[in-house]
Amino acid sequence: MTDKPKIDFCSVSKTFLAGDDDAPIGDAVLGVQALRDTTFSINEGEFVSILGPSGCGKTTVLNLVAGFIQPTSGNVHIEHRNERRTPLYGMVFQDDAAFPWMTVAENIGYALDNWGRGFARPEVASLVEVLQLRGFENKYPHELSGGMRKRVEIGRAYAAAPEILMFDEPFGSLDVLTKQAMQQFLSQFWAAERKTVIFVSHDVEECLLLSTRVLVMSPRPGRITHDFAVAFEFPRSNDLKFSNEFVRLRRQIVEALEGIGITDV
């Protein structure tokens, strides 16, 4: 991890107007302001989680980083080192996004093929091993468990070596045990690679277990109200949740959320 900002939001506001092509579904009301005066930075190699209520602009932040939309005012700067060699970002969503007509190996290799590197079989095989999917290379998504499908999506996002990985509530639809297993897997995966990560979640414990920092956003229009450093060593286990420091930090974040009117945590 370096002290050089990889992602820098400076007084960013975003308003969606009726008829805008980039307006979210359901936000067809004139003048929906998703973000207002949002300022934060993320250094290269940090794992930063964003907490906040539904509709506060968390996904809008991801879309601004990806370049899908542009700010209404303010500036979003992304330091992009390898302009032509690798993609800037990879994304993992909450809903299943593995291509159902492709096998595990084809899904993981898709990004490599999309970047003109073929399916790069040795790279795919290596990721299959790391993702604990050996023996399932030729299976289709409908033949896998929810946790395995999510690992396929993480592998596809990671395969082309993006500079930034973004997760939009990736484990929200999983059962408790599978969710815990995926949190452990992602913690170990990140500890080995130290990619720059933005992780959107509603789960305070999940954010503390995975992150090096936790940002809290206000209700819409969203802005950053709190920035918590999370200094636990990696890799982290679920036992960390029972430590005094974890409980203390969780209480601080919950109190911050309650202080801005968020109680569903």
Protein backbone atom coordinates (compact mmCIF):
# COMPACT_ATOMS: atom_id res chain seq x y z
CA MET A 1 0.00 0.00 0.00
CA THR A 2 1.25 3.50 -0.85
CA ASP A 3 0.30 7.00 0.32
CA LYS A 4 -0.47 8.11 -3.24
CA PRO A 5 -4.20 8.60 -3.85
CA LYS A 6 -5.57 6.17 -6.39
CA ILE A 7 -9.09 7.60 -6.19
CA ASP A 8 -9.80 11.22 -5.28
CA PHE A 9 -13.28 12.77 -4.93
CA CYS A 10 -13.18 16.56 -4.47
CA SER A 11 -16.52 18.24 -3.56
CA VAL A 12 -18.43 15.90 -5.88
CA SER A 13 -22.18 16.36 -6.38
CA LYS A 14 -24.40 14.34 -8.69
CA THR A 15 -27.98 15.22 -9.62
CA PHE A 16 -30.10 13.03 -11.90
CA LEU A 17 -32.68 14.88 -13.97
CA ALA A 18 -35.84 13.48 -15.51
CA GLY A 19 -34.99 11.95 -18.86
CA ASP A 20 -31.26 11.57 -18.15
CA ASP A 21 -29.88 8.47 -19.83
CA ASP A 22 -27.78 7.74 -16.74
CA ALA A 23 -30.62 8.17 -14.19
CA PRO A 24 -31.16 5.08 -12.03
CA ILE A 25 -34.38 3.13 -12.49
CA GLY A 26 -36.95 4.62 -10.12
CA ASP A 27 -35.23 8.02 -9.98
CA ALA A 28 -37.29 9.67 -12.70
CA VAL A 29 -38.29 12.60 -10.46
CA LEU A 30 -36.88 15.94 -11.52
CA GLY A 31 -33.78 16.92 -9.57
CA VAL A 32 -32.89 13.79 -7.58
CA GLN A 33 -29.59 14.67 -5.93
CA ALA A 34 -27.68 11.47 -5.18
CA LEU A 35 -24.46 13.07 -3.87
CA ARG A 36 -23.67 16.49 -2.43
CA ASP A 37 -20.20 17.87 -1.71
CA THR A 38 -18.69 14.39 -1.35
CA THR A 39 -14.97 14.45 -0.60
CA PHE A 40 -12.65 11.52 0.14
CA SER A 41 -9.57 9.79 -1.22
CA ILE A 42 -8.44 6.17 -1.37
CA ASN A 43 -4.77 5.26 -1.56
CA GLU A 44 -3.45 2.53 -3.81
CA GLY A 45 -3.71 -0.85 -2.09
CA GLU A 46 -6.38 0.14 0.42
CA PHE A 47 -9.55 -1.91 1.05
CA VAL A 48 -12.20 0.73 1.73
CA SER A 49 -15.80 -0.11 2.62
CA ILE A 50 -18.69 2.35 2.27
CA LEU A 51 -21.63 2.08 4.69
CA GLY A 52 -24.90 3.94 4.42
CA PRO A 53 -28.66 3.56 3.97
CA SER A 54 -30.33 2.49 0.74
CA GLY A 55 -30.44 5.33 -1.78
CA CYS A 56 -27.61 7.35 -0.19
CA GLY A 57 -25.43 7.26 -3.31
CA LYS A 58 -23.08 4.33 -2.65
CA THR A 59 -23.63 2.78 -6.07
CA THR A 60 -23.41 6.26 -7.64
CA VAL A 61 -19.88 6.48 -6.18
CA LEU A 62 -18.97 3.19 -7.90
CA ASN A 63 -20.44 4.37 -11.20
CA LEU A 64 -18.43 7.60 -11.00
CA VAL A 65 -15.22 5.65 -10.37
CA ALA A 66 -15.99 3.39 -13.32
CA GLY A 67 -16.70 6.38 -15.54
CA PHE A 68 -20.24 5.25 -16.34
CA ILE A 69 -21.51 8.69 -15.25
CA GLN A 70 -19.96 12.12 -14.73
CA PRO A 71 -20.34 14.43 -11.71
CA THR A 72 -22.68 17.39 -11.90
CA SER A 73 -20.04 19.41 -10.05
CA GLY A 74 -16.71 18.74 -8.40
CA ASN A 75 -13.94 16.48 -9.64
CA VAL A 76 -13.29 12.74 -9.66
CA HIS A 77 -9.67 11.83 -10.34
CA ILE A 78 -8.54 8.25 -10.87
CA GLU A 79 -4.82 7.56 -11.16
CA HIS A 80 -4.54 5.13 -14.09
CA ARG A 81 -1.05 3.73 -14.49
CA ASN A 82 -1.47 1.15 -17.26
CA GLU A 83 -3.64 2.96 -19.77
CA ARG A 84 -3.42 0.42 -22.59
CA ARG A 85 -2.32 -2.80 -20.91
CA THR A 86 -4.97 -3.62 -18.29
CA PRO A 87 -8.49 -2.46 -17.43
CA LEU A 88 -8.99 0.19 -14.78
CA TYR A 89 -11.58 -1.71 -12.75
CA GLY A 90 -13.37 -5.01 -12.21
CA MET A 91 -16.86 -5.17 -10.67
CA VAL A 92 -18.72 -7.79 -8.59
CA PHE A 93 -22.46 -7.28 -8.02
CA GLN A 94 -24.98 -8.60 -5.50
CA ASP A 95 -27.07 -10.46 -8.07
CA ASP A 96 -25.64 -13.44 -9.93
CA ALA A 97 -23.70 -12.16 -12.93
CA ALA A 98 -21.87 -15.26 -14.17
CA PHE A 99 -22.71 -15.92 -17.83
CA PRO A 100 -25.04 -18.96 -17.71
CA TRP A 101 -23.96 -20.21 -21.15
CA MET A 102 -20.28 -20.34 -20.15
CA THR A 103 -18.42 -22.84 -18.00
CA VAL A 104 -16.47 -21.84 -14.90
CA ALA A 105 -13.21 -21.65 -16.88
CA GLU A 106 -14.84 -19.69 -19.71
CA ASN A 107 -16.40 -17.21 -17.27
CA ILE A 108 -13.09 -16.59 -15.51
CA GLY A 109 -11.23 -16.35 -18.82
CA TYR A 110 -13.75 -14.01 -20.40
CA ALA A 111 -11.99 -10.84 -19.27
CA LEU A 112 -8.67 -12.12 -20.58
CA ASP A 113 -10.25 -12.86 -23.94
CA ASN A 114 -11.94 -9.46 -23.93
CA TRP A 115 -8.53 -7.81 -23.49
CA GLY A 116 -7.00 -9.64 -26.44
CA ARG A 117 -5.05 -12.20 -24.41
CA GLY A 118 -7.07 -15.28 -25.33
CA PHE A 119 -8.30 -17.50 -22.55
CA ALA A 120 -4.70 -17.74 -21.29
CA ARG A 121 -5.25 -21.25 -19.95
CA PRO A 122 -2.35 -21.20 -17.44
CA GLU A 123 -3.72 -18.01 -15.87
CA VAL A 124 -7.24 -19.43 -15.70
CA ALA A 125 -5.96 -22.67 -14.18
CA SER A 126 -4.06 -20.72 -11.55
CA LEU A 127 -7.14 -18.70 -10.62
CA VAL A 128 -9.31 -21.83 -10.52
CA GLU A 129 -6.86 -23.22 -7.96
CA VAL A 130 -6.82 -20.04 -5.86
CA LEU A 131 -10.62 -19.80 -6.01
CA GLN A 132 -10.92 -23.40 -4.78
CA LEU A 133 -12.83 -24.42 -7.90
CA ARG A 134 -10.60 -27.21 -9.18
CA GLY A 135 -12.74 -30.03 -10.55
CA PHE A 136 -15.53 -27.60 -11.50
CA GLU A 137 -13.81 -25.97 -14.49
CA ASN A 138 -16.31 -27.44 -16.97
CA LYS A 139 -19.42 -26.91 -14.87
CA TYR A 140 -22.03 -24.27 -15.67
CA PRO A 141 -23.27 -21.68 -13.14
CA HIS A 142 -26.58 -23.48 -12.54
CA GLU A 143 -24.58 -26.52 -11.39
CA LEU A 144 -22.78 -24.53 -8.65
CA SER A 145 -23.68 -23.35 -5.16
CA GLY A 146 -24.25 -19.64 -4.50
CA GLY A 147 -20.82 -19.25 -2.90
CA MET A 148 -19.11 -20.98 -5.81
CA ARG A 149 -20.87 -18.74 -8.34
CA LYS A 150 -19.71 -15.70 -6.38
CA ARG A 151 -16.12 -17.00 -6.46
CA VAL A 152 -16.43 -17.35 -10.23
CA GLU A 153 -17.52 -13.70 -10.46
CA ILE A 154 -14.60 -12.59 -8.27
CA GLY A 155 -12.24 -14.58 -10.48
CA ARG A 156 -13.67 -13.03 -13.65
CA ALA A 157 -13.34 -9.53 -12.18
CA TYR A 158 -9.77 -10.21 -11.07
CA ALA A 159 -8.51 -12.18 -14.09
CA ALA A 160 -7.52 -9.23 -16.28
CA ALA A 161 -5.54 -7.68 -13.39
CA PRO A 162 -7.62 -4.51 -12.99
CA GLU A 163 -6.16 -1.69 -10.96
CA ILE A 164 -9.33 -1.28 -8.87
CA LEU A 165 -11.81 -3.93 -7.70
CA MET A 166 -15.34 -2.77 -6.82
CA PHE A 167 -17.93 -4.78 -4.92
CA ASP A 168 -21.59 -3.69 -4.75
CA GLU A 169 -23.08 -5.65 -1.82
CA PRO A 170 -21.68 -8.89 -3.30
CA PHE A 171 -22.73 -11.22 -0.46
CA GLY A 172 -26.12 -9.69 0.34
CA SER A 173 -28.12 -12.53 -1.23
CA LEU A 174 -26.15 -15.38 0.38
CA ASP A 175 -27.17 -17.37 3.45
CA VAL A 176 -25.30 -16.66 6.70
CA LEU A 177 -22.84 -19.56 6.56
CA THR A 178 -22.02 -19.05 2.88
CA LYS A 179 -21.63 -15.32 3.51
CA GLN A 180 -19.14 -15.96 6.33
CA ALA A 181 -17.19 -18.36 4.12
CA MET A 182 -17.05 -15.79 1.32
CA GLN A 183 -15.89 -13.08 3.71
CA GLN A 184 -13.05 -15.36 4.83
CA PHE A 185 -12.16 -16.16 1.25
CA LEU A 186 -12.12 -12.50 0.17
CA SER A 187 -10.05 -11.50 3.21
CA GLN A 188 -7.40 -14.09 2.36
CA PHE A 189 -7.55 -13.26 -1.36
CA TRP A 190 -7.03 -9.54 -0.75
CA ALA A 191 -4.27 -10.12 1.81
CA ALA A 192 -2.28 -12.00 -0.85
CA GLU A 193 -2.76 -9.43 -3.63
CA ARG A 194 -3.43 -6.04 -1.95
CA LYS A 195 -5.53 -4.62 -4.77
CA THR A 196 -7.27 -1.26 -4.38
CA VAL A 197 -10.82 -2.19 -3.35
CA ILE A 198 -14.08 -0.27 -2.85
CA PHE A 199 -16.65 -2.44 -1.06
CA VAL A 200 -20.27 -1.30 -0.64
CA SER A 201 -22.23 -2.95 2.18
CA HIS A 202 -24.97 -2.52 4.80
CA ASP A 203 -23.21 -4.89 7.23
CA VAL A 204 -20.99 -3.20 9.85
CA GLU A 205 -19.30 -6.43 10.94
CA GLU A 206 -18.60 -7.40 7.33
CA CYS A 207 -16.92 -4.05 6.70
CA LEU A 208 -14.77 -4.32 9.82
CA LEU A 209 -13.75 -7.88 9.00
CA LEU A 210 -12.63 -7.01 5.47
CA SER A 211 -11.50 -3.39 5.37
CA THR A 212 -8.56 -1.16 6.15
CA ARG A 213 -10.97 1.82 6.31
CA VAL A 214 -14.73 2.27 6.66
CA LEU A 215 -16.47 5.36 5.26
CA VAL A 216 -19.95 6.27 6.51
CA MET A 217 -22.36 8.09 4.18
CA SER A 218 -25.34 10.22 5.17
CA PRO A 219 -28.86 9.66 3.82
CA ARG A 220 -29.46 11.13 0.34
CA PRO A 221 -28.00 13.39 -0.84
CA GLY A 222 -25.01 11.37 0.24
CA ARG A 223 -21.80 12.75 1.66
CA ILE A 224 -19.03 11.24 3.77
CA THR A 225 -19.68 11.91 7.46
CA HIS A 226 -17.15 9.60 9.15
CA ASP A 227 -13.88 7.86 8.23
CA PHE A 228 -12.75 4.97 10.47
CA ALA A 229 -9.32 3.33 10.25
CA VAL A 230 -9.40 -0.46 10.75
CA ALA A 231 -5.94 -1.63 11.81
CA PHE A 232 -6.44 -5.37 12.43
CA GLU A 233 -3.79 -7.56 10.82
CA PHE A 234 -4.55 -9.75 7.78
CA PRO A 235 -5.69 -12.37 7.10
CA ARG A 236 -8.61 -12.06 9.51
CA SER A 237 -10.82 -14.80 10.92
CA ASN A 238 -14.39 -14.71 12.24
CA ASP A 239 -12.98 -15.01 15.78
CA LEU A 240 -11.89 -11.37 15.42
CA LYS A 241 -15.55 -10.37 15.89
CA PHE A 242 -15.33 -11.37 19.56
CA SER A 243 -12.28 -9.25 20.39
CA ASN A 244 -12.67 -6.19 22.60
CA GLU A 245 -11.21 -3.85 19.96
CA PHE A 246 -13.57 -5.15 17.26
CA VAL A 247 -16.59 -4.70 19.56
CA ARG A 248 -15.41 -1.20 20.50
CA LEU A 249 -14.96 -0.13 16.88
CA ARG A 250 -18.28 -1.66 15.88
CA ARG A 251 -19.98 0.35 18.62
CA GLN A 252 -18.35 3.56 17.37
CA ILE A 253 -19.57 2.96 13.81
CA VAL A 254 -23.10 2.05 14.94
CA GLU A 255 -23.21 5.22 17.05
CA ALA A 256 -22.05 7.24 14.03
CA LEU A 257 -24.80 5.69 11.89
CA GLU A 258 -27.43 6.34 14.56
CA GLY A 259 -26.16 9.91 14.87
CA ILE A 260 -27.07 10.61 11.24
CA GLY A 261 -30.43 8.89 11.55
CA ILE A 262 -29.58 5.35 10.37
CA THR A 263 -30.90 2.60 12.67
CA ASP A 264 -31.21 -0.46 10.38
CA VAL A 265 -27.77 -1.94 11.26
